Amino acid sequence: MNQWQQRVLALAAIAQCCAAVKQLARHGQLTDEYARQALLDSVLIQNPQSFIEIYGTAQNLRRGLQVLLAQLGATRDKDVEVTRYMVGILALARRLQKQPQQLAKLGERIEQLQRQRDTFQFTDETLLTGMASTYSDFISPLSRPIQIQGKPSHLQQPNTQNQIRALLLAAIRSAILWQQSGGQRRQFLFNRRKMVTIAHDLYVSLSSASESST
């Protein structure tokens, strides 16, 4: 997998996290296509053998590629809300990268979550709560919070709040991966067509593989 494919998949993961946040805020639950657990697991995979291992399999990012194509492509299906979330995440990740001490402390907290999962077998819900508090402790103070729109009846539920914060943390993880693989803001202006082509090819390839396995 080349660097451009890595960048596009990292952006797809961000898009999938943001679309999942929107879905939770408006409907209070997620369907399987959002691959919530794979997105959350990506936060705890710090030393993968390959890029795609971070997400388990590229199939887990099909929804994200679909969302990304709608956002970057020449279509009328752009979702202003998802775009706003993505822009906010990329901005927060840039701020985080400029604060190495905060980034190191975040890494220590994530290592603690890893130990809780691998050594002490903490439940998924306990880890979800831990990820949510990690986002609140290390990411929220970096800037004004990302304003999430949705139904108050859902947004006031502690479990929904925890899921949203944990998914935003997963989005930050992918935003840092995007930066580490050479992602830059100017690429949205000068390399948009290339990113769309790569995203389309990846999506078609994954869709064909999915159909052939059923």
N, C-alpha and C. Protein backbone atom coordinates (compact mmCIF):
# COMPACT_ATOMS: atom_id res chain seq x y z
N MET A 1 0.85 -1.19 0.00
CA MET A 1 0.00 0.00 0.00
C MET A 1 0.89 1.25 0.00
N ASN A 2 0.70 2.14 -0.99
CA ASN A 2 1.54 3.32 -1.08
C ASN A 2 1.02 4.44 -0.18
N GLN A 3 1.79 5.52 -0.09
CA GLN A 3 1.45 6.59 0.84
C GLN A 3 0.13 7.27 0.50
N TRP A 4 -0.16 7.41 -0.78
CA TRP A 4 -1.43 8.05 -1.15
C TRP A 4 -2.62 7.21 -0.71
N GLN A 5 -2.50 5.91 -0.87
CA GLN A 5 -3.58 5.03 -0.41
C GLN A 5 -3.73 5.11 1.10
N GLN A 6 -2.61 5.18 1.82
CA GLN A 6 -2.67 5.32 3.27
C GLN A 6 -3.36 6.62 3.66
N ARG A 7 -3.01 7.69 2.98
CA ARG A 7 -3.64 8.99 3.29
C ARG A 7 -5.14 8.94 3.06
N VAL A 8 -5.54 8.35 1.96
CA VAL A 8 -6.97 8.29 1.64
C VAL A 8 -7.71 7.42 2.64
N LEU A 9 -7.13 6.29 3.02
CA LEU A 9 -7.79 5.43 4.00
C LEU A 9 -7.87 6.11 5.38
N ALA A 10 -6.84 6.86 5.74
CA ALA A 10 -6.90 7.60 7.00
C ALA A 10 -8.00 8.65 6.95
N LEU A 11 -8.12 9.34 5.82
CA LEU A 11 -9.22 10.31 5.66
C LEU A 11 -10.57 9.61 5.68
N ALA A 12 -10.64 8.43 5.08
CA ALA A 12 -11.89 7.67 5.09
C ALA A 12 -12.28 7.29 6.52
N ALA A 13 -11.29 6.94 7.33
CA ALA A 13 -11.56 6.60 8.73
C ALA A 13 -12.08 7.82 9.48
N ILE A 14 -11.49 8.99 9.22
CA ILE A 14 -11.98 10.23 9.83
C ILE A 14 -13.43 10.48 9.41
N ALA A 15 -13.68 10.34 8.10
CA ALA A 15 -15.04 10.56 7.59
C ALA A 15 -16.03 9.59 8.21
N GLN A 16 -15.62 8.34 8.39
CA GLN A 16 -16.51 7.33 8.97
C GLN A 16 -16.80 7.65 10.44
N CYS A 17 -15.78 8.07 11.16
CA CYS A 17 -15.99 8.47 12.56
C CYS A 17 -16.96 9.64 12.64
N CYS A 18 -16.76 10.63 11.79
CA CYS A 18 -17.61 11.82 11.82
C CYS A 18 -19.05 11.50 11.41
N ALA A 19 -19.20 10.64 10.41
CA ALA A 19 -20.55 10.23 10.00
C ALA A 19 -21.22 9.43 11.11
N ALA A 20 -20.44 8.62 11.83
CA ALA A 20 -20.98 7.84 12.95
C ALA A 20 -21.42 8.77 14.08
N VAL A 21 -20.65 9.81 14.34
CA VAL A 21 -21.02 10.81 15.36
C VAL A 21 -22.34 11.48 14.99
N LYS A 22 -22.48 11.84 13.73
CA LYS A 22 -23.73 12.45 13.28
C LYS A 22 -24.90 11.48 13.46
N GLN A 23 -24.71 10.24 13.09
CA GLN A 23 -25.76 9.23 13.21
C GLN A 23 -26.17 9.05 14.67
N LEU A 24 -25.20 8.96 15.57
CA LEU A 24 -25.50 8.80 16.99
C LEU A 24 -26.25 10.00 17.54
N ALA A 25 -25.80 11.19 17.17
CA ALA A 25 -26.42 12.41 17.69
C ALA A 25 -27.86 12.56 17.23
N ARG A 26 -28.16 12.06 16.05
CA ARG A 26 -29.50 12.24 15.49
C ARG A 26 -30.42 11.05 15.75
N HIS A 27 -29.84 9.85 15.84
CA HIS A 27 -30.66 8.65 15.95
C HIS A 27 -30.36 7.78 17.17
N GLY A 28 -29.27 8.05 17.86
CA GLY A 28 -28.97 7.34 19.10
C GLY A 28 -28.41 5.94 18.96
N GLN A 29 -28.18 5.48 17.73
CA GLN A 29 -27.61 4.14 17.53
C GLN A 29 -26.94 4.07 16.16
N LEU A 30 -26.09 3.05 16.02
CA LEU A 30 -25.34 2.86 14.79
C LEU A 30 -25.66 1.51 14.16
N THR A 31 -25.65 1.47 12.85
CA THR A 31 -25.78 0.20 12.13
C THR A 31 -24.39 -0.40 11.93
N ASP A 32 -24.35 -1.65 11.50
CA ASP A 32 -23.07 -2.35 11.35
C ASP A 32 -22.13 -1.69 10.35
N GLU A 33 -22.67 -0.98 9.37
CA GLU A 33 -21.83 -0.41 8.32
C GLU A 33 -20.82 0.59 8.87
N TYR A 34 -21.06 1.12 10.06
CA TYR A 34 -20.12 2.09 10.63
C TYR A 34 -18.93 1.42 11.31
N ALA A 35 -18.98 0.11 11.50
CA ALA A 35 -17.86 -0.66 12.07
C ALA A 35 -17.30 0.04 13.30
N ARG A 36 -18.19 0.36 14.24
CA ARG A 36 -17.79 1.14 15.42
C ARG A 36 -16.61 0.53 16.15
N GLN A 37 -16.66 -0.78 16.38
CA GLN A 37 -15.61 -1.40 17.18
C GLN A 37 -14.26 -1.32 16.49
N ALA A 38 -14.24 -1.46 15.19
CA ALA A 38 -12.97 -1.37 14.45
C ALA A 38 -12.39 0.03 14.57
N LEU A 39 -13.25 1.03 14.52
CA LEU A 39 -12.78 2.41 14.67
C LEU A 39 -12.21 2.63 16.06
N LEU A 40 -12.90 2.14 17.09
CA LEU A 40 -12.42 2.31 18.46
C LEU A 40 -11.14 1.52 18.69
N ASP A 41 -11.08 0.30 18.15
CA ASP A 41 -9.87 -0.52 18.31
C ASP A 41 -8.65 0.15 17.70
N SER A 42 -8.86 0.96 16.66
CA SER A 42 -7.73 1.62 15.99
C SER A 42 -6.96 2.53 16.93
N VAL A 43 -7.64 3.04 17.95
CA VAL A 43 -6.98 3.92 18.92
C VAL A 43 -5.93 3.15 19.71
N LEU A 44 -6.20 1.89 20.00
CA LEU A 44 -5.34 1.10 20.88
C LEU A 44 -4.26 0.31 20.14
N ILE A 45 -4.27 0.37 18.82
CA ILE A 45 -3.24 -0.33 18.04
C ILE A 45 -2.15 0.68 17.72
N GLN A 46 -1.09 0.66 18.51
CA GLN A 46 -0.04 1.66 18.40
C GLN A 46 1.19 1.18 17.63
N ASN A 47 1.39 -0.13 17.54
CA ASN A 47 2.57 -0.65 16.83
C ASN A 47 2.16 -1.74 15.84
N PRO A 48 1.40 -1.36 14.81
CA PRO A 48 0.90 -2.35 13.84
C PRO A 48 2.01 -2.86 12.92
N GLN A 49 1.82 -4.07 12.42
CA GLN A 49 2.75 -4.64 11.45
C GLN A 49 2.58 -4.01 10.07
N SER A 50 1.39 -3.51 9.80
CA SER A 50 1.11 -2.85 8.53
C SER A 50 0.06 -1.77 8.77
N PHE A 51 -0.05 -0.86 7.84
CA PHE A 51 -0.99 0.25 7.99
C PHE A 51 -2.42 -0.25 8.16
N ILE A 52 -2.83 -1.16 7.32
CA ILE A 52 -4.23 -1.58 7.32
C ILE A 52 -4.59 -2.36 8.58
N GLU A 53 -3.58 -2.91 9.25
CA GLU A 53 -3.84 -3.65 10.49
C GLU A 53 -4.47 -2.75 11.55
N ILE A 54 -4.22 -1.45 11.45
CA ILE A 54 -4.79 -0.49 12.40
C ILE A 54 -6.32 -0.58 12.39
N TYR A 55 -6.89 -0.83 11.24
CA TYR A 55 -8.35 -0.88 11.10
C TYR A 55 -8.88 -2.31 10.96
N GLY A 56 -8.01 -3.28 11.16
CA GLY A 56 -8.43 -4.66 11.06
C GLY A 56 -8.38 -5.16 9.62
N THR A 57 -9.18 -4.52 8.78
CA THR A 57 -9.22 -4.80 7.35
C THR A 57 -9.79 -3.58 6.64
N ALA A 58 -9.41 -3.42 5.39
CA ALA A 58 -9.91 -2.27 4.64
C ALA A 58 -11.43 -2.31 4.50
N GLN A 59 -12.02 -3.51 4.55
CA GLN A 59 -13.48 -3.63 4.46
C GLN A 59 -14.18 -2.81 5.54
N ASN A 60 -13.52 -2.65 6.68
CA ASN A 60 -14.13 -1.89 7.77
C ASN A 60 -14.26 -0.40 7.46
N LEU A 61 -13.63 0.06 6.36
CA LEU A 61 -13.67 1.48 6.01
C LEU A 61 -14.49 1.76 4.76
N ARG A 62 -15.29 0.79 4.33
CA ARG A 62 -16.11 1.00 3.13
C ARG A 62 -17.04 2.19 3.29
N ARG A 63 -17.70 2.27 4.44
CA ARG A 63 -18.62 3.39 4.67
C ARG A 63 -17.87 4.72 4.64
N GLY A 64 -16.67 4.74 5.22
CA GLY A 64 -15.88 5.96 5.22
C GLY A 64 -15.47 6.39 3.83
N LEU A 65 -15.09 5.43 2.99
CA LEU A 65 -14.74 5.76 1.60
C LEU A 65 -15.95 6.34 0.87
N GLN A 66 -17.12 5.77 1.13
CA GLN A 66 -18.34 6.26 0.51
C GLN A 66 -18.61 7.71 0.92
N VAL A 67 -18.47 7.99 2.21
CA VAL A 67 -18.68 9.36 2.72
C VAL A 67 -17.63 10.30 2.15
N LEU A 68 -16.38 9.86 2.11
CA LEU A 68 -15.30 10.69 1.60
C LEU A 68 -15.50 11.04 0.13
N LEU A 69 -15.95 10.07 -0.66
CA LEU A 69 -16.21 10.33 -2.07
C LEU A 69 -17.31 11.38 -2.24
N ALA A 70 -18.32 11.32 -1.40
CA ALA A 70 -19.40 12.31 -1.47
C ALA A 70 -18.89 13.70 -1.09
N GLN A 71 -17.94 13.75 -0.15
CA GLN A 71 -17.43 15.04 0.31
C GLN A 71 -16.44 15.65 -0.68
N LEU A 72 -15.60 14.81 -1.30
CA LEU A 72 -14.55 15.32 -2.19
C LEU A 72 -14.95 15.35 -3.66
N GLY A 73 -15.86 14.48 -4.05
CA GLY A 73 -16.21 14.34 -5.45
C GLY A 73 -17.11 15.46 -5.97
N ALA A 74 -17.30 15.44 -7.27
CA ALA A 74 -18.13 16.46 -7.92
C ALA A 74 -19.60 16.03 -7.85
N THR A 75 -20.12 15.96 -6.65
CA THR A 75 -21.51 15.55 -6.45
C THR A 75 -22.24 16.61 -5.64
N ARG A 76 -23.56 16.45 -5.55
CA ARG A 76 -24.36 17.35 -4.73
C ARG A 76 -24.70 16.70 -3.38
N ASP A 77 -24.03 15.60 -3.09
CA ASP A 77 -24.33 14.84 -1.86
C ASP A 77 -23.46 15.24 -0.69
N LYS A 78 -22.80 16.39 -0.79
CA LYS A 78 -21.91 16.81 0.29
C LYS A 78 -22.70 17.08 1.57
N ASP A 79 -22.14 16.65 2.67
CA ASP A 79 -22.77 16.81 3.98
C ASP A 79 -21.99 17.87 4.74
N VAL A 80 -22.57 19.06 4.85
CA VAL A 80 -21.89 20.19 5.48
C VAL A 80 -21.53 19.87 6.93
N GLU A 81 -22.40 19.14 7.59
CA GLU A 81 -22.16 18.80 9.00
C GLU A 81 -20.95 17.89 9.15
N VAL A 82 -20.86 16.86 8.33
CA VAL A 82 -19.72 15.95 8.37
C VAL A 82 -18.44 16.70 8.00
N THR A 83 -18.53 17.57 7.01
CA THR A 83 -17.36 18.37 6.62
C THR A 83 -16.88 19.22 7.79
N ARG A 84 -17.80 19.83 8.51
CA ARG A 84 -17.44 20.67 9.66
C ARG A 84 -16.74 19.84 10.73
N TYR A 85 -17.24 18.65 10.98
CA TYR A 85 -16.61 17.78 11.97
C TYR A 85 -15.20 17.39 11.52
N MET A 86 -15.05 17.05 10.24
CA MET A 86 -13.75 16.64 9.72
C MET A 86 -12.73 17.78 9.80
N VAL A 87 -13.16 18.97 9.42
CA VAL A 87 -12.27 20.14 9.49
C VAL A 87 -11.85 20.39 10.94
N GLY A 88 -12.79 20.27 11.86
CA GLY A 88 -12.49 20.45 13.27
C GLY A 88 -11.49 19.43 13.78
N ILE A 89 -11.65 18.17 13.37
CA ILE A 89 -10.74 17.10 13.80
C ILE A 89 -9.33 17.35 13.27
N LEU A 90 -9.21 17.71 12.00
CA LEU A 90 -7.89 17.96 11.42
C LEU A 90 -7.21 19.14 12.11
N ALA A 91 -7.98 20.15 12.48
CA ALA A 91 -7.42 21.31 13.18
C ALA A 91 -6.94 20.91 14.58
N LEU A 92 -7.73 20.10 15.28
CA LEU A 92 -7.34 19.64 16.61
C LEU A 92 -6.07 18.78 16.55
N ALA A 93 -5.99 17.93 15.54
CA ALA A 93 -4.80 17.08 15.40
C ALA A 93 -3.55 17.93 15.16
N ARG A 94 -3.68 18.99 14.37
CA ARG A 94 -2.53 19.88 14.13
C ARG A 94 -2.10 20.55 15.44
N ARG A 95 -3.08 20.99 16.23
CA ARG A 95 -2.76 21.61 17.52
C ARG A 95 -2.05 20.62 18.44
N LEU A 96 -2.55 19.39 18.44
CA LEU A 96 -1.96 18.36 19.29
C LEU A 96 -0.51 18.08 18.91
N GLN A 97 -0.24 18.02 17.62
CA GLN A 97 1.11 17.75 17.15
C GLN A 97 2.09 18.85 17.55
N LYS A 98 1.57 20.05 17.77
CA LYS A 98 2.43 21.18 18.16
C LYS A 98 2.67 21.22 19.67
N GLN A 99 2.08 20.29 20.41
CA GLN A 99 2.26 20.23 21.86
C GLN A 99 2.79 18.84 22.24
N PRO A 100 4.09 18.63 22.05
CA PRO A 100 4.66 17.29 22.27
C PRO A 100 4.44 16.74 23.67
N GLN A 101 4.44 17.60 24.69
CA GLN A 101 4.21 17.10 26.04
C GLN A 101 2.80 16.55 26.20
N GLN A 102 1.83 17.27 25.65
CA GLN A 102 0.45 16.81 25.70
C GLN A 102 0.28 15.52 24.90
N LEU A 103 0.97 15.46 23.75
CA LEU A 103 0.90 14.26 22.91
C LEU A 103 1.51 13.05 23.64
N ALA A 104 2.60 13.29 24.36
CA ALA A 104 3.23 12.20 25.12
C ALA A 104 2.31 11.72 26.24
N LYS A 105 1.66 12.65 26.93
CA LYS A 105 0.73 12.27 27.99
C LYS A 105 -0.46 11.50 27.43
N LEU A 106 -0.93 11.91 26.25
CA LEU A 106 -2.01 11.18 25.60
C LEU A 106 -1.57 9.76 25.29
N GLY A 107 -0.33 9.62 24.79
CA GLY A 107 0.19 8.28 24.51
C GLY A 107 0.24 7.40 25.74
N GLU A 108 0.61 8.00 26.87
CA GLU A 108 0.66 7.25 28.13
C GLU A 108 -0.73 6.78 28.54
N ARG A 109 -1.72 7.66 28.36
CA ARG A 109 -3.09 7.27 28.71
C ARG A 109 -3.58 6.13 27.81
N ILE A 110 -3.25 6.20 26.54
CA ILE A 110 -3.68 5.15 25.62
C ILE A 110 -2.99 3.83 25.96
N GLU A 111 -1.72 3.89 26.35
CA GLU A 111 -1.03 2.67 26.79
C GLU A 111 -1.71 2.08 28.02
N GLN A 112 -2.20 2.94 28.89
CA GLN A 112 -2.93 2.48 30.07
C GLN A 112 -4.22 1.77 29.66
N LEU A 113 -4.91 2.33 28.68
CA LEU A 113 -6.13 1.69 28.17
C LEU A 113 -5.81 0.33 27.54
N GLN A 114 -4.67 0.27 26.82
CA GLN A 114 -4.25 -1.00 26.24
C GLN A 114 -4.06 -2.06 27.31
N ARG A 115 -3.39 -1.70 28.39
CA ARG A 115 -3.16 -2.65 29.48
C ARG A 115 -4.48 -3.09 30.12
N GLN A 116 -5.40 -2.14 30.26
CA GLN A 116 -6.70 -2.49 30.83
C GLN A 116 -7.42 -3.51 29.97
N ARG A 117 -7.25 -3.39 28.65
CA ARG A 117 -7.90 -4.34 27.75
C ARG A 117 -7.17 -5.67 27.69
N ASP A 118 -5.85 -5.63 27.51
CA ASP A 118 -5.09 -6.84 27.24
C ASP A 118 -4.71 -7.63 28.49
N THR A 119 -4.41 -6.92 29.57
CA THR A 119 -3.95 -7.59 30.78
C THR A 119 -5.09 -7.84 31.77
N PHE A 120 -5.95 -6.86 31.91
CA PHE A 120 -6.98 -6.96 32.93
C PHE A 120 -8.37 -7.28 32.36
N GLN A 121 -8.45 -7.39 31.02
CA GLN A 121 -9.71 -7.77 30.36
C GLN A 121 -10.89 -6.88 30.78
N PHE A 122 -10.66 -5.59 30.80
CA PHE A 122 -11.77 -4.67 31.08
C PHE A 122 -12.84 -4.84 30.02
N THR A 123 -14.09 -4.59 30.37
CA THR A 123 -15.19 -4.73 29.42
C THR A 123 -15.12 -3.63 28.35
N ASP A 124 -15.78 -3.88 27.23
CA ASP A 124 -15.80 -2.89 26.16
C ASP A 124 -16.41 -1.58 26.63
N GLU A 125 -17.43 -1.64 27.46
CA GLU A 125 -18.08 -0.41 27.92
C GLU A 125 -17.16 0.39 28.84
N THR A 126 -16.38 -0.32 29.67
CA THR A 126 -15.42 0.37 30.53
C THR A 126 -14.34 1.05 29.70
N LEU A 127 -13.87 0.37 28.67
CA LEU A 127 -12.88 0.96 27.77
C LEU A 127 -13.47 2.14 27.01
N LEU A 128 -14.73 2.02 26.61
CA LEU A 128 -15.41 3.12 25.92
C LEU A 128 -15.43 4.37 26.81
N THR A 129 -15.77 4.17 28.07
CA THR A 129 -15.78 5.28 29.02
C THR A 129 -14.38 5.87 29.18
N GLY A 130 -13.38 4.99 29.21
CA GLY A 130 -12.00 5.46 29.32
C GLY A 130 -11.57 6.27 28.11
N MET A 131 -11.97 5.86 26.92
CA MET A 131 -11.64 6.62 25.71
C MET A 131 -12.34 7.97 25.72
N ALA A 132 -13.58 7.98 26.16
CA ALA A 132 -14.35 9.23 26.22
C ALA A 132 -13.68 10.22 27.16
N SER A 133 -13.26 9.75 28.34
CA SER A 133 -12.60 10.64 29.30
C SER A 133 -11.23 11.08 28.78
N THR A 134 -10.56 10.21 28.01
CA THR A 134 -9.28 10.58 27.40
C THR A 134 -9.47 11.74 26.43
N TYR A 135 -10.53 11.67 25.63
CA TYR A 135 -10.82 12.78 24.71
C TYR A 135 -11.09 14.06 25.49
N SER A 136 -11.89 13.96 26.54
CA SER A 136 -12.23 15.14 27.34
C SER A 136 -11.00 15.74 28.01
N ASP A 137 -10.10 14.88 28.48
CA ASP A 137 -8.93 15.34 29.24
C ASP A 137 -7.83 15.92 28.35
N PHE A 138 -7.63 15.35 27.16
CA PHE A 138 -6.47 15.72 26.36
C PHE A 138 -6.79 16.46 25.07
N ILE A 139 -7.97 16.24 24.49
CA ILE A 139 -8.28 16.86 23.20
C ILE A 139 -9.16 18.10 23.37
N SER A 140 -10.20 17.98 24.17
CA SER A 140 -11.12 19.12 24.35
C SER A 140 -10.42 20.40 24.77
N PRO A 141 -9.42 20.36 25.68
CA PRO A 141 -8.78 21.61 26.10
C PRO A 141 -7.94 22.30 25.02
N LEU A 142 -7.69 21.63 23.91
CA LEU A 142 -6.84 22.20 22.87
C LEU A 142 -7.48 23.40 22.18
N SER A 143 -8.79 23.43 22.13
CA SER A 143 -9.50 24.48 21.39
C SER A 143 -10.96 24.46 21.81
N ARG A 144 -11.74 25.30 21.17
CA ARG A 144 -13.18 25.27 21.42
C ARG A 144 -13.73 23.90 21.02
N PRO A 145 -14.59 23.32 21.84
CA PRO A 145 -15.13 21.99 21.53
C PRO A 145 -15.87 21.98 20.19
N ILE A 146 -15.79 20.85 19.50
CA ILE A 146 -16.59 20.67 18.29
C ILE A 146 -18.05 20.60 18.69
N GLN A 147 -18.85 21.46 18.12
CA GLN A 147 -20.27 21.51 18.47
C GLN A 147 -21.02 20.42 17.70
N ILE A 148 -21.57 19.47 18.44
CA ILE A 148 -22.29 18.35 17.83
C ILE A 148 -23.78 18.66 17.79
N GLN A 149 -24.35 18.56 16.60
CA GLN A 149 -25.78 18.80 16.43
C GLN A 149 -26.53 17.48 16.51
N GLY A 150 -27.73 17.53 17.07
CA GLY A 150 -28.54 16.32 17.14
C GLY A 150 -29.73 16.52 18.04
N LYS A 151 -30.40 15.42 18.36
CA LYS A 151 -31.57 15.47 19.23
C LYS A 151 -31.13 15.50 20.69
N PRO A 152 -31.62 16.47 21.46
CA PRO A 152 -31.24 16.54 22.88
C PRO A 152 -31.50 15.23 23.63
N SER A 153 -32.57 14.53 23.26
CA SER A 153 -32.90 13.28 23.96
C SER A 153 -31.80 12.24 23.80
N HIS A 154 -31.07 12.29 22.67
CA HIS A 154 -29.94 11.38 22.46
C HIS A 154 -28.66 11.94 23.07
N LEU A 155 -28.42 13.23 22.84
CA LEU A 155 -27.18 13.85 23.29
C LEU A 155 -27.06 13.90 24.81
N GLN A 156 -28.18 13.81 25.50
CA GLN A 156 -28.15 13.85 26.96
C GLN A 156 -27.91 12.48 27.59
N GLN A 157 -27.89 11.44 26.75
CA GLN A 157 -27.65 10.09 27.26
C GLN A 157 -26.15 9.87 27.49
N PRO A 158 -25.75 9.47 28.70
CA PRO A 158 -24.31 9.26 28.97
C PRO A 158 -23.65 8.29 28.00
N ASN A 159 -24.34 7.21 27.64
CA ASN A 159 -23.74 6.24 26.72
C ASN A 159 -23.50 6.84 25.35
N THR A 160 -24.44 7.65 24.89
CA THR A 160 -24.27 8.32 23.59
C THR A 160 -23.13 9.32 23.66
N GLN A 161 -23.05 10.07 24.75
CA GLN A 161 -21.95 11.01 24.93
C GLN A 161 -20.61 10.30 24.90
N ASN A 162 -20.52 9.17 25.59
CA ASN A 162 -19.27 8.42 25.61
C ASN A 162 -18.89 7.90 24.23
N GLN A 163 -19.89 7.39 23.51
CA GLN A 163 -19.61 6.89 22.16
C GLN A 163 -19.11 8.01 21.25
N ILE A 164 -19.74 9.17 21.33
CA ILE A 164 -19.35 10.29 20.48
C ILE A 164 -17.92 10.73 20.79
N ARG A 165 -17.61 10.87 22.07
CA ARG A 165 -16.25 11.30 22.44
C ARG A 165 -15.21 10.26 22.05
N ALA A 166 -15.54 9.00 22.23
CA ALA A 166 -14.60 7.93 21.86
C ALA A 166 -14.37 7.91 20.35
N LEU A 167 -15.42 8.12 19.57
CA LEU A 167 -15.28 8.16 18.11
C LEU A 167 -14.49 9.38 17.66
N LEU A 168 -14.66 10.50 18.36
CA LEU A 168 -13.86 11.68 18.03
C LEU A 168 -12.38 11.43 18.34
N LEU A 169 -12.11 10.68 19.42
CA LEU A 169 -10.73 10.30 19.72
C LEU A 169 -10.18 9.41 18.60
N ALA A 170 -10.99 8.48 18.12
CA ALA A 170 -10.57 7.63 17.00
C ALA A 170 -10.30 8.47 15.75
N ALA A 171 -11.11 9.50 15.54
CA ALA A 171 -10.89 10.38 14.39
C ALA A 171 -9.57 11.13 14.53
N ILE A 172 -9.24 11.56 15.76
CA ILE A 172 -7.96 12.23 16.00
C ILE A 172 -6.81 11.27 15.69
N ARG A 173 -6.94 10.02 16.10
CA ARG A 173 -5.92 9.01 15.82
C ARG A 173 -5.67 8.91 14.31
N SER A 174 -6.75 8.86 13.54
CA SER A 174 -6.60 8.76 12.09
C SER A 174 -6.07 10.04 11.48
N ALA A 175 -6.41 11.19 12.07
CA ALA A 175 -5.88 12.46 11.58
C ALA A 175 -4.37 12.53 11.76
N ILE A 176 -3.88 12.01 12.89
CA ILE A 176 -2.44 11.97 13.11
C ILE A 176 -1.78 11.01 12.12
N LEU A 177 -2.44 9.88 11.86
CA LEU A 177 -1.93 8.94 10.85
C LEU A 177 -1.87 9.60 9.48
N TRP A 178 -2.89 10.38 9.17
CA TRP A 178 -2.92 11.10 7.88
C TRP A 178 -1.72 12.03 7.79
N GLN A 179 -1.43 12.76 8.87
CA GLN A 179 -0.27 13.65 8.88
C GLN A 179 1.03 12.87 8.74
N GLN A 180 1.13 11.77 9.47
CA GLN A 180 2.36 10.97 9.45
C GLN A 180 2.63 10.35 8.09
N SER A 181 1.57 10.11 7.32
CA SER A 181 1.75 9.55 5.97
C SER A 181 1.92 10.63 4.91
N GLY A 182 2.09 11.88 5.35
CA GLY A 182 2.35 12.97 4.41
C GLY A 182 1.15 13.81 4.05
N GLY A 183 0.04 13.63 4.76
CA GLY A 183 -1.15 14.42 4.47
C GLY A 183 -0.97 15.90 4.82
N GLN A 184 -1.38 16.77 3.90
CA GLN A 184 -1.28 18.21 4.09
C GLN A 184 -2.55 18.88 3.58
N ARG A 185 -2.87 20.05 4.18
CA ARG A 185 -4.10 20.74 3.80
C ARG A 185 -4.12 21.12 2.32
N ARG A 186 -2.97 21.50 1.79
CA ARG A 186 -2.94 21.96 0.40
C ARG A 186 -3.32 20.86 -0.58
N GLN A 187 -3.23 19.61 -0.15
CA GLN A 187 -3.61 18.51 -1.03
C GLN A 187 -5.10 18.52 -1.36
N PHE A 188 -5.91 19.10 -0.48
CA PHE A 188 -7.34 19.21 -0.77
C PHE A 188 -7.60 20.17 -1.93
N LEU A 189 -6.66 21.09 -2.15
CA LEU A 189 -6.79 22.02 -3.27
C LEU A 189 -6.13 21.50 -4.54
N PHE A 190 -4.91 20.97 -4.38
CA PHE A 190 -4.12 20.64 -5.57
C PHE A 190 -4.15 19.16 -5.95
N ASN A 191 -4.60 18.29 -5.06
CA ASN A 191 -4.60 16.85 -5.35
C ASN A 191 -5.96 16.20 -5.13
N ARG A 192 -7.00 17.02 -5.13
CA ARG A 192 -8.34 16.50 -4.86
C ARG A 192 -8.73 15.40 -5.85
N ARG A 193 -8.49 15.63 -7.13
CA ARG A 193 -8.88 14.65 -8.14
C ARG A 193 -8.16 13.32 -7.93
N LYS A 194 -6.88 13.41 -7.56
CA LYS A 194 -6.11 12.18 -7.31
C LYS A 194 -6.69 11.43 -6.12
N MET A 195 -7.06 12.15 -5.08
CA MET A 195 -7.63 11.50 -3.89
C MET A 195 -8.97 10.86 -4.22
N VAL A 196 -9.77 11.53 -5.03
CA VAL A 196 -11.06 10.98 -5.43
C VAL A 196 -10.87 9.69 -6.23
N THR A 197 -9.91 9.70 -7.14
CA THR A 197 -9.64 8.51 -7.96
C THR A 197 -9.22 7.33 -7.08
N ILE A 198 -8.32 7.60 -6.14
CA ILE A 198 -7.84 6.53 -5.26
C ILE A 198 -8.98 6.02 -4.38
N ALA A 199 -9.76 6.94 -3.82
CA ALA A 199 -10.89 6.53 -2.98
C ALA A 199 -11.89 5.70 -3.77
N HIS A 200 -12.16 6.11 -5.02
CA HIS A 200 -13.10 5.38 -5.86
C HIS A 200 -12.57 3.98 -6.17
N ASP A 201 -11.29 3.88 -6.53
CA ASP A 201 -10.71 2.57 -6.86
C ASP A 201 -10.74 1.65 -5.64
N LEU A 202 -10.42 2.19 -4.47
CA LEU A 202 -10.45 1.39 -3.25
C LEU A 202 -11.87 0.92 -2.93
N TYR A 203 -12.82 1.82 -3.09
CA TYR A 203 -14.21 1.48 -2.79
C TYR A 203 -14.73 0.40 -3.74
N VAL A 204 -14.43 0.55 -5.02
CA VAL A 204 -14.87 -0.44 -6.01
C VAL A 204 -14.22 -1.79 -5.72
N SER A 205 -12.94 -1.78 -5.39
CA SER A 205 -12.22 -3.01 -5.09
C SER A 205 -12.82 -3.72 -3.86
N LEU A 206 -13.11 -2.93 -2.83
CA LEU A 206 -13.70 -3.52 -1.62
C LEU A 206 -15.10 -4.03 -1.87
N SER A 207 -15.87 -3.31 -2.65
CA SER A 207 -17.23 -3.73 -2.96
C SER A 207 -17.23 -5.02 -3.76
N SER A 208 -16.30 -5.12 -4.72
CA SER A 208 -16.21 -6.34 -5.53
C SER A 208 -15.80 -7.53 -4.67
N ALA A 209 -14.86 -7.29 -3.76
CA ALA A 209 -14.41 -8.37 -2.87
C ALA A 209 -15.53 -8.82 -1.96
N SER A 210 -16.35 -7.86 -1.50
CA SER A 210 -17.46 -8.20 -0.63
C SER A 210 -18.51 -9.02 -1.35
N GLU A 211 -18.80 -8.64 -2.59
CA GLU A 211 -19.80 -9.37 -3.37
C GLU A 211 -19.34 -10.79 -3.70
N SER A 212 -18.03 -10.94 -3.98
CA SER A 212 -17.53 -12.26 -4.35
C SER A 212 -17.47 -13.22 -3.16
N SER A 213 -17.47 -12.64 -1.94
CA SER A 213 -17.40 -13.49 -0.75
C SER A 213 -18.77 -13.89 -0.23
N THR A 214 -19.83 -13.33 -0.84
CA THR A 214 -21.20 -13.66 -0.38
C THR A 214 -21.82 -14.69 -1.30
